[in-house]
Amino acid sequence: MEGLRTAPSKIQGTGCFAEKGFAKDERLGEYTGELISDAEAMRRHVEGDHTYLFAVEDDLCIDARFDDTNILKYINHSCEPNCYAECEGHRIFIYALRDIERGEELTYDYQLVCETDEALTCSCGSKSCRGTMRATQD
């Protein structure tokens, strides 16, 4: 995708980085992959392995694991993100939450909702880190 690259991340494994500046609310791209049911996602998921699942509805998600063209799957979680996601039907688009400078790692708040006891410890290192990638309780 234009203006983006992958590189080693201080947060986790591989990250997605801005190759150019992005303005607040600018669309960075579409999170693509295979549309699957939650049941299929649970079948495919192996605890401890990297997953690239993004929920689009209560019972559907996009699995980007096998989509080598989707660089956005490498966006890591942060409790102080610089990006946000919006669903449009069964499609997910990533936008800049604020102005993003060239070289910055892209992040969004995963707000995970899981039925398992799997550890979802956050390693973002932000000043306001809440220690988890789980959804906040409002």
N, C-alpha and C. Protein backbone atom coordinates (compact mmCIF):
# COMPACT_ATOMS: atom_id res chain seq x y z
N MET A 1 0.84 -1.17 0.00
CA MET A 1 0.00 0.00 0.00
C MET A 1 0.89 1.24 0.00
N GLU A 2 0.45 2.20 -0.73
CA GLU A 2 1.23 3.43 -0.89
C GLU A 2 1.38 4.16 0.44
N GLY A 3 2.62 4.55 0.73
CA GLY A 3 2.89 5.33 1.93
C GLY A 3 3.06 4.53 3.20
N LEU A 4 3.09 3.19 3.09
CA LEU A 4 3.22 2.33 4.26
C LEU A 4 4.31 1.29 4.02
N ARG A 5 4.92 0.86 5.14
CA ARG A 5 5.93 -0.21 5.06
C ARG A 5 5.90 -1.01 6.35
N THR A 6 6.45 -2.20 6.31
CA THR A 6 6.60 -2.99 7.52
C THR A 6 8.05 -2.92 7.98
N ALA A 7 8.22 -3.08 9.28
CA ALA A 7 9.56 -3.09 9.88
C ALA A 7 9.42 -3.69 11.27
N PRO A 8 10.54 -4.08 11.88
CA PRO A 8 10.48 -4.56 13.25
C PRO A 8 9.88 -3.49 14.17
N SER A 9 9.05 -3.94 15.11
CA SER A 9 8.34 -3.03 16.01
C SER A 9 8.86 -3.15 17.44
N LYS A 10 8.91 -2.04 18.15
CA LYS A 10 9.26 -2.06 19.58
C LYS A 10 8.08 -2.60 20.40
N ILE A 11 6.88 -2.56 19.81
CA ILE A 11 5.68 -3.03 20.52
C ILE A 11 5.58 -4.54 20.45
N GLN A 12 5.62 -5.09 19.22
CA GLN A 12 5.44 -6.53 19.04
C GLN A 12 5.83 -6.92 17.62
N GLY A 13 6.76 -7.83 17.47
CA GLY A 13 7.08 -8.43 16.17
C GLY A 13 7.28 -7.45 15.05
N THR A 14 6.45 -7.58 14.03
CA THR A 14 6.46 -6.70 12.87
C THR A 14 5.40 -5.64 13.03
N GLY A 15 5.73 -4.41 12.66
CA GLY A 15 4.77 -3.32 12.72
C GLY A 15 4.57 -2.70 11.36
N CYS A 16 3.58 -1.84 11.26
CA CYS A 16 3.28 -1.09 10.05
C CYS A 16 3.64 0.37 10.32
N PHE A 17 4.41 0.97 9.42
CA PHE A 17 4.94 2.31 9.62
C PHE A 17 4.56 3.24 8.47
N ALA A 18 4.44 4.52 8.79
CA ALA A 18 4.13 5.55 7.80
C ALA A 18 5.40 5.90 7.03
N GLU A 19 5.33 5.81 5.71
CA GLU A 19 6.43 6.23 4.85
C GLU A 19 6.30 7.69 4.46
N LYS A 20 5.14 8.27 4.79
CA LYS A 20 4.85 9.67 4.52
C LYS A 20 3.93 10.16 5.62
N GLY A 21 3.70 11.44 5.68
CA GLY A 21 2.78 11.98 6.66
C GLY A 21 1.33 11.73 6.25
N PHE A 22 0.46 11.58 7.24
CA PHE A 22 -0.98 11.43 7.00
C PHE A 22 -1.71 12.46 7.85
N ALA A 23 -2.72 13.06 7.28
CA ALA A 23 -3.53 14.06 7.98
C ALA A 23 -4.60 13.36 8.81
N LYS A 24 -5.03 14.03 9.89
CA LYS A 24 -6.11 13.51 10.71
C LYS A 24 -7.31 13.15 9.84
N ASP A 25 -7.89 11.98 10.08
CA ASP A 25 -9.05 11.43 9.38
C ASP A 25 -8.77 11.00 7.94
N GLU A 26 -7.52 11.00 7.52
CA GLU A 26 -7.16 10.50 6.19
C GLU A 26 -7.24 8.99 6.19
N ARG A 27 -7.82 8.43 5.13
CA ARG A 27 -7.91 6.97 5.00
C ARG A 27 -6.56 6.41 4.59
N LEU A 28 -6.07 5.45 5.39
CA LEU A 28 -4.78 4.83 5.09
C LEU A 28 -4.94 3.63 4.18
N GLY A 29 -6.08 2.95 4.26
CA GLY A 29 -6.31 1.81 3.41
C GLY A 29 -7.37 0.89 3.97
N GLU A 30 -7.58 -0.22 3.28
CA GLU A 30 -8.59 -1.20 3.67
C GLU A 30 -7.91 -2.44 4.25
N TYR A 31 -8.45 -2.91 5.37
CA TYR A 31 -8.01 -4.16 5.99
C TYR A 31 -8.71 -5.29 5.23
N THR A 32 -7.95 -6.07 4.50
CA THR A 32 -8.54 -7.08 3.63
C THR A 32 -8.18 -8.49 4.09
N GLY A 33 -8.96 -9.43 3.61
CA GLY A 33 -8.74 -10.84 3.92
C GLY A 33 -10.00 -11.62 3.63
N GLU A 34 -10.05 -12.83 4.17
CA GLU A 34 -11.18 -13.73 3.95
C GLU A 34 -12.27 -13.47 4.99
N LEU A 35 -13.50 -13.29 4.54
CA LEU A 35 -14.63 -13.11 5.44
C LEU A 35 -15.06 -14.49 5.94
N ILE A 36 -15.00 -14.68 7.27
CA ILE A 36 -15.33 -15.99 7.85
C ILE A 36 -16.24 -15.80 9.07
N SER A 37 -16.86 -16.89 9.48
CA SER A 37 -17.72 -16.87 10.67
C SER A 37 -16.86 -16.89 11.93
N ASP A 38 -17.46 -16.48 13.03
CA ASP A 38 -16.75 -16.57 14.31
C ASP A 38 -16.40 -18.02 14.64
N ALA A 39 -17.30 -18.93 14.29
CA ALA A 39 -17.03 -20.35 14.55
C ALA A 39 -15.78 -20.81 13.79
N GLU A 40 -15.65 -20.37 12.54
CA GLU A 40 -14.47 -20.73 11.75
C GLU A 40 -13.23 -20.06 12.33
N ALA A 41 -13.37 -18.83 12.78
CA ALA A 41 -12.24 -18.12 13.39
C ALA A 41 -11.75 -18.87 14.63
N MET A 42 -12.68 -19.33 15.46
CA MET A 42 -12.31 -20.08 16.66
C MET A 42 -11.65 -21.40 16.28
N ARG A 43 -12.13 -22.03 15.21
CA ARG A 43 -11.53 -23.29 14.76
C ARG A 43 -10.09 -23.06 14.30
N ARG A 44 -9.84 -21.95 13.61
CA ARG A 44 -8.52 -21.66 13.07
C ARG A 44 -7.55 -21.16 14.13
N HIS A 45 -8.07 -20.52 15.16
CA HIS A 45 -7.21 -19.86 16.15
C HIS A 45 -6.48 -20.88 17.02
N VAL A 46 -5.19 -20.66 17.16
CA VAL A 46 -4.36 -21.46 18.05
C VAL A 46 -3.79 -20.50 19.09
N GLU A 47 -4.15 -20.73 20.36
CA GLU A 47 -3.70 -19.84 21.42
C GLU A 47 -2.19 -19.71 21.41
N GLY A 48 -1.72 -18.47 21.47
CA GLY A 48 -0.29 -18.20 21.45
C GLY A 48 0.23 -17.85 20.07
N ASP A 49 -0.48 -18.23 19.00
CA ASP A 49 -0.07 -17.88 17.65
C ASP A 49 -0.56 -16.48 17.31
N HIS A 50 0.12 -15.84 16.36
CA HIS A 50 -0.35 -14.55 15.86
C HIS A 50 -1.65 -14.77 15.10
N THR A 51 -2.60 -13.91 15.33
CA THR A 51 -3.83 -13.96 14.56
C THR A 51 -4.04 -12.62 13.90
N TYR A 52 -4.73 -12.61 12.81
CA TYR A 52 -5.03 -11.39 12.06
C TYR A 52 -6.53 -11.33 11.82
N LEU A 53 -7.28 -11.49 12.89
CA LEU A 53 -8.74 -11.50 12.82
C LEU A 53 -9.29 -10.13 13.21
N PHE A 54 -10.24 -9.64 12.44
CA PHE A 54 -10.85 -8.34 12.72
C PHE A 54 -12.36 -8.51 12.62
N ALA A 55 -13.07 -8.28 13.72
CA ALA A 55 -14.53 -8.46 13.74
C ALA A 55 -15.21 -7.37 12.92
N VAL A 56 -16.20 -7.80 12.11
CA VAL A 56 -16.99 -6.84 11.33
C VAL A 56 -18.46 -6.85 11.75
N GLU A 57 -18.90 -7.93 12.36
CA GLU A 57 -20.25 -8.08 12.90
C GLU A 57 -20.16 -9.03 14.09
N ASP A 58 -21.29 -9.25 14.75
CA ASP A 58 -21.29 -10.14 15.90
C ASP A 58 -20.81 -11.55 15.56
N ASP A 59 -21.06 -12.01 14.35
CA ASP A 59 -20.71 -13.39 14.02
C ASP A 59 -19.83 -13.51 12.78
N LEU A 60 -19.22 -12.40 12.34
CA LEU A 60 -18.34 -12.43 11.17
C LEU A 60 -17.05 -11.66 11.44
N CYS A 61 -15.97 -12.13 10.83
CA CYS A 61 -14.72 -11.39 10.93
C CYS A 61 -13.91 -11.58 9.65
N ILE A 62 -12.90 -10.75 9.51
CA ILE A 62 -11.98 -10.85 8.38
C ILE A 62 -10.70 -11.49 8.90
N ASP A 63 -10.27 -12.55 8.24
CA ASP A 63 -9.02 -13.22 8.56
C ASP A 63 -7.99 -12.83 7.50
N ALA A 64 -7.01 -12.03 7.91
CA ALA A 64 -6.00 -11.53 6.97
C ALA A 64 -4.73 -12.38 6.98
N ARG A 65 -4.76 -13.49 7.69
CA ARG A 65 -3.55 -14.31 7.82
C ARG A 65 -2.91 -14.65 6.47
N PHE A 66 -3.71 -15.01 5.50
CA PHE A 66 -3.16 -15.48 4.22
C PHE A 66 -3.17 -14.41 3.14
N ASP A 67 -3.52 -13.16 3.48
CA ASP A 67 -3.54 -12.06 2.51
C ASP A 67 -2.21 -11.32 2.59
N ASP A 68 -1.28 -11.70 1.71
CA ASP A 68 0.06 -11.10 1.73
C ASP A 68 0.07 -9.67 1.21
N THR A 69 -1.02 -9.21 0.62
CA THR A 69 -1.08 -7.83 0.13
C THR A 69 -1.55 -6.87 1.21
N ASN A 70 -2.02 -7.40 2.35
CA ASN A 70 -2.60 -6.57 3.40
C ASN A 70 -1.56 -6.18 4.44
N ILE A 71 -0.84 -5.09 4.19
CA ILE A 71 0.17 -4.60 5.13
C ILE A 71 -0.47 -4.06 6.41
N LEU A 72 -1.74 -3.68 6.34
CA LEU A 72 -2.43 -3.14 7.51
C LEU A 72 -2.62 -4.18 8.62
N LYS A 73 -2.48 -5.46 8.29
CA LYS A 73 -2.62 -6.49 9.32
C LYS A 73 -1.48 -6.42 10.33
N TYR A 74 -0.44 -5.66 10.03
CA TYR A 74 0.69 -5.53 10.94
C TYR A 74 0.58 -4.31 11.86
N ILE A 75 -0.57 -3.65 11.86
CA ILE A 75 -0.77 -2.55 12.81
C ILE A 75 -0.92 -3.14 14.20
N ASN A 76 -0.08 -2.70 15.10
CA ASN A 76 -0.11 -3.20 16.48
C ASN A 76 -1.07 -2.40 17.35
N HIS A 77 -1.40 -2.99 18.49
CA HIS A 77 -2.28 -2.36 19.47
C HIS A 77 -1.52 -1.29 20.25
N SER A 78 -2.22 -0.22 20.62
CA SER A 78 -1.72 0.75 21.57
C SER A 78 -2.88 1.32 22.36
N CYS A 79 -2.63 1.61 23.63
CA CYS A 79 -3.63 2.26 24.46
C CYS A 79 -3.71 3.76 24.15
N GLU A 80 -2.73 4.29 23.41
CA GLU A 80 -2.73 5.66 22.89
C GLU A 80 -2.53 5.59 21.38
N PRO A 81 -3.56 5.14 20.65
CA PRO A 81 -3.42 4.89 19.21
C PRO A 81 -3.34 6.17 18.38
N ASN A 82 -2.81 6.00 17.16
CA ASN A 82 -2.82 7.10 16.20
C ASN A 82 -3.74 6.80 15.01
N CYS A 83 -4.41 5.65 15.04
CA CYS A 83 -5.35 5.26 13.99
C CYS A 83 -6.65 4.74 14.60
N TYR A 84 -7.67 4.66 13.77
CA TYR A 84 -8.93 4.03 14.16
C TYR A 84 -9.50 3.29 12.96
N ALA A 85 -10.38 2.36 13.24
CA ALA A 85 -10.99 1.55 12.19
C ALA A 85 -12.48 1.85 12.11
N GLU A 86 -13.00 1.81 10.89
CA GLU A 86 -14.44 1.96 10.68
C GLU A 86 -14.92 0.85 9.76
N CYS A 87 -16.01 0.22 10.15
CA CYS A 87 -16.62 -0.82 9.33
C CYS A 87 -17.64 -0.18 8.41
N GLU A 88 -17.62 -0.59 7.16
CA GLU A 88 -18.61 -0.20 6.17
C GLU A 88 -19.10 -1.49 5.55
N GLY A 89 -20.24 -1.95 6.04
CA GLY A 89 -20.71 -3.27 5.62
C GLY A 89 -19.75 -4.32 6.13
N HIS A 90 -19.24 -5.15 5.23
CA HIS A 90 -18.27 -6.18 5.60
C HIS A 90 -16.85 -5.75 5.28
N ARG A 91 -16.63 -4.44 5.15
CA ARG A 91 -15.30 -3.92 4.84
C ARG A 91 -14.81 -3.07 6.02
N ILE A 92 -13.50 -3.08 6.22
CA ILE A 92 -12.89 -2.31 7.29
C ILE A 92 -11.86 -1.37 6.69
N PHE A 93 -11.96 -0.10 7.08
CA PHE A 93 -11.02 0.91 6.62
C PHE A 93 -10.30 1.50 7.83
N ILE A 94 -9.02 1.79 7.65
CA ILE A 94 -8.18 2.36 8.70
C ILE A 94 -7.95 3.84 8.38
N TYR A 95 -8.14 4.69 9.41
CA TYR A 95 -7.99 6.14 9.27
C TYR A 95 -7.01 6.67 10.31
N ALA A 96 -6.43 7.83 10.02
CA ALA A 96 -5.56 8.51 10.97
C ALA A 96 -6.41 9.18 12.05
N LEU A 97 -6.15 8.86 13.29
CA LEU A 97 -6.87 9.45 14.42
C LEU A 97 -6.39 10.89 14.68
N ARG A 98 -5.16 11.13 14.30
CA ARG A 98 -4.54 12.45 14.42
C ARG A 98 -3.53 12.55 13.29
N ASP A 99 -2.88 13.70 13.14
CA ASP A 99 -1.82 13.80 12.14
C ASP A 99 -0.73 12.80 12.51
N ILE A 100 -0.25 12.08 11.49
CA ILE A 100 0.79 11.07 11.69
C ILE A 100 2.01 11.49 10.89
N GLU A 101 3.16 11.48 11.54
CA GLU A 101 4.40 11.88 10.88
C GLU A 101 5.08 10.69 10.21
N ARG A 102 5.86 11.00 9.19
CA ARG A 102 6.64 9.98 8.49
C ARG A 102 7.52 9.25 9.51
N GLY A 103 7.53 7.93 9.43
CA GLY A 103 8.36 7.11 10.30
C GLY A 103 7.63 6.58 11.53
N GLU A 104 6.45 7.13 11.85
CA GLU A 104 5.71 6.66 13.02
C GLU A 104 5.14 5.27 12.79
N GLU A 105 5.15 4.48 13.85
CA GLU A 105 4.45 3.20 13.79
C GLU A 105 2.96 3.46 13.91
N LEU A 106 2.18 2.77 13.10
CA LEU A 106 0.73 2.90 13.14
C LEU A 106 0.18 1.96 14.20
N THR A 107 -0.79 2.47 14.97
CA THR A 107 -1.40 1.67 16.03
C THR A 107 -2.88 2.00 16.13
N TYR A 108 -3.65 1.05 16.61
CA TYR A 108 -5.03 1.33 17.01
C TYR A 108 -5.33 0.49 18.24
N ASP A 109 -6.38 0.86 18.94
CA ASP A 109 -6.78 0.17 20.16
C ASP A 109 -7.63 -1.03 19.75
N TYR A 110 -7.13 -2.23 19.97
CA TYR A 110 -7.82 -3.43 19.53
C TYR A 110 -9.19 -3.61 20.18
N GLN A 111 -9.36 -3.20 21.42
CA GLN A 111 -10.64 -3.34 22.12
C GLN A 111 -11.17 -4.78 21.98
N LEU A 112 -10.34 -5.75 22.28
CA LEU A 112 -10.70 -7.16 22.09
C LEU A 112 -11.77 -7.62 23.07
N VAL A 113 -12.68 -8.41 22.55
CA VAL A 113 -13.71 -9.06 23.35
C VAL A 113 -13.52 -10.55 23.11
N CYS A 114 -13.10 -11.25 24.16
CA CYS A 114 -12.78 -12.68 24.01
C CYS A 114 -13.54 -13.49 25.04
N GLU A 115 -13.89 -14.68 24.64
CA GLU A 115 -14.57 -15.60 25.54
C GLU A 115 -13.60 -16.56 26.20
N THR A 116 -12.32 -16.45 25.83
CA THR A 116 -11.33 -17.34 26.41
C THR A 116 -10.59 -16.61 27.53
N ASP A 117 -9.80 -17.36 28.28
CA ASP A 117 -8.98 -16.79 29.34
C ASP A 117 -7.59 -16.43 28.83
N GLU A 118 -7.43 -16.46 27.52
CA GLU A 118 -6.14 -16.18 26.91
C GLU A 118 -5.58 -14.85 27.41
N ALA A 119 -4.29 -14.84 27.71
CA ALA A 119 -3.64 -13.61 28.16
C ALA A 119 -3.63 -12.60 27.02
N LEU A 120 -4.11 -11.42 27.28
CA LEU A 120 -4.14 -10.35 26.29
C LEU A 120 -3.39 -9.14 26.84
N THR A 121 -2.21 -9.41 27.37
CA THR A 121 -1.40 -8.37 27.98
C THR A 121 -0.91 -7.39 26.93
N CYS A 122 -1.03 -6.11 27.25
CA CYS A 122 -0.59 -5.05 26.35
C CYS A 122 0.89 -4.77 26.57
N SER A 123 1.62 -4.51 25.49
CA SER A 123 3.03 -4.16 25.58
C SER A 123 3.32 -2.87 24.82
N CYS A 124 2.31 -1.97 24.76
CA CYS A 124 2.46 -0.75 23.96
C CYS A 124 3.45 0.24 24.56
N GLY A 125 3.59 0.25 25.88
CA GLY A 125 4.54 1.14 26.52
C GLY A 125 4.09 2.60 26.62
N SER A 126 2.84 2.88 26.31
CA SER A 126 2.35 4.27 26.39
C SER A 126 2.19 4.69 27.85
N LYS A 127 2.18 5.99 28.09
CA LYS A 127 2.03 6.52 29.45
C LYS A 127 0.71 6.11 30.07
N SER A 128 -0.33 5.96 29.25
CA SER A 128 -1.65 5.60 29.77
C SER A 128 -2.00 4.13 29.52
N CYS A 129 -0.99 3.30 29.39
CA CYS A 129 -1.23 1.87 29.12
C CYS A 129 -2.10 1.27 30.22
N ARG A 130 -3.17 0.58 29.79
CA ARG A 130 -4.08 -0.05 30.76
C ARG A 130 -3.71 -1.50 31.03
N GLY A 131 -2.64 -2.00 30.36
CA GLY A 131 -2.14 -3.33 30.64
C GLY A 131 -2.82 -4.47 29.91
N THR A 132 -3.83 -4.16 29.09
CA THR A 132 -4.55 -5.19 28.37
C THR A 132 -5.01 -4.67 27.01
N MET A 133 -5.19 -5.61 26.09
CA MET A 133 -5.76 -5.27 24.78
C MET A 133 -7.27 -5.49 24.77
N ARG A 134 -7.82 -5.92 25.90
CA ARG A 134 -9.25 -6.15 26.01
C ARG A 134 -10.01 -4.83 25.93
N ALA A 135 -11.28 -4.92 25.57
CA ALA A 135 -12.15 -3.74 25.50
C ALA A 135 -12.30 -3.12 26.88
N THR A 136 -12.37 -1.81 26.90
CA THR A 136 -12.59 -1.11 28.17
C THR A 136 -14.04 -1.28 28.60
N GLN A 137 -14.25 -1.26 29.88
CA GLN A 137 -15.60 -1.37 30.44
C GLN A 137 -16.20 0.02 30.59
N ASP A 138 -17.21 0.34 29.81
CA ASP A 138 -17.86 1.66 29.92
C ASP A 138 -19.12 1.57 30.72
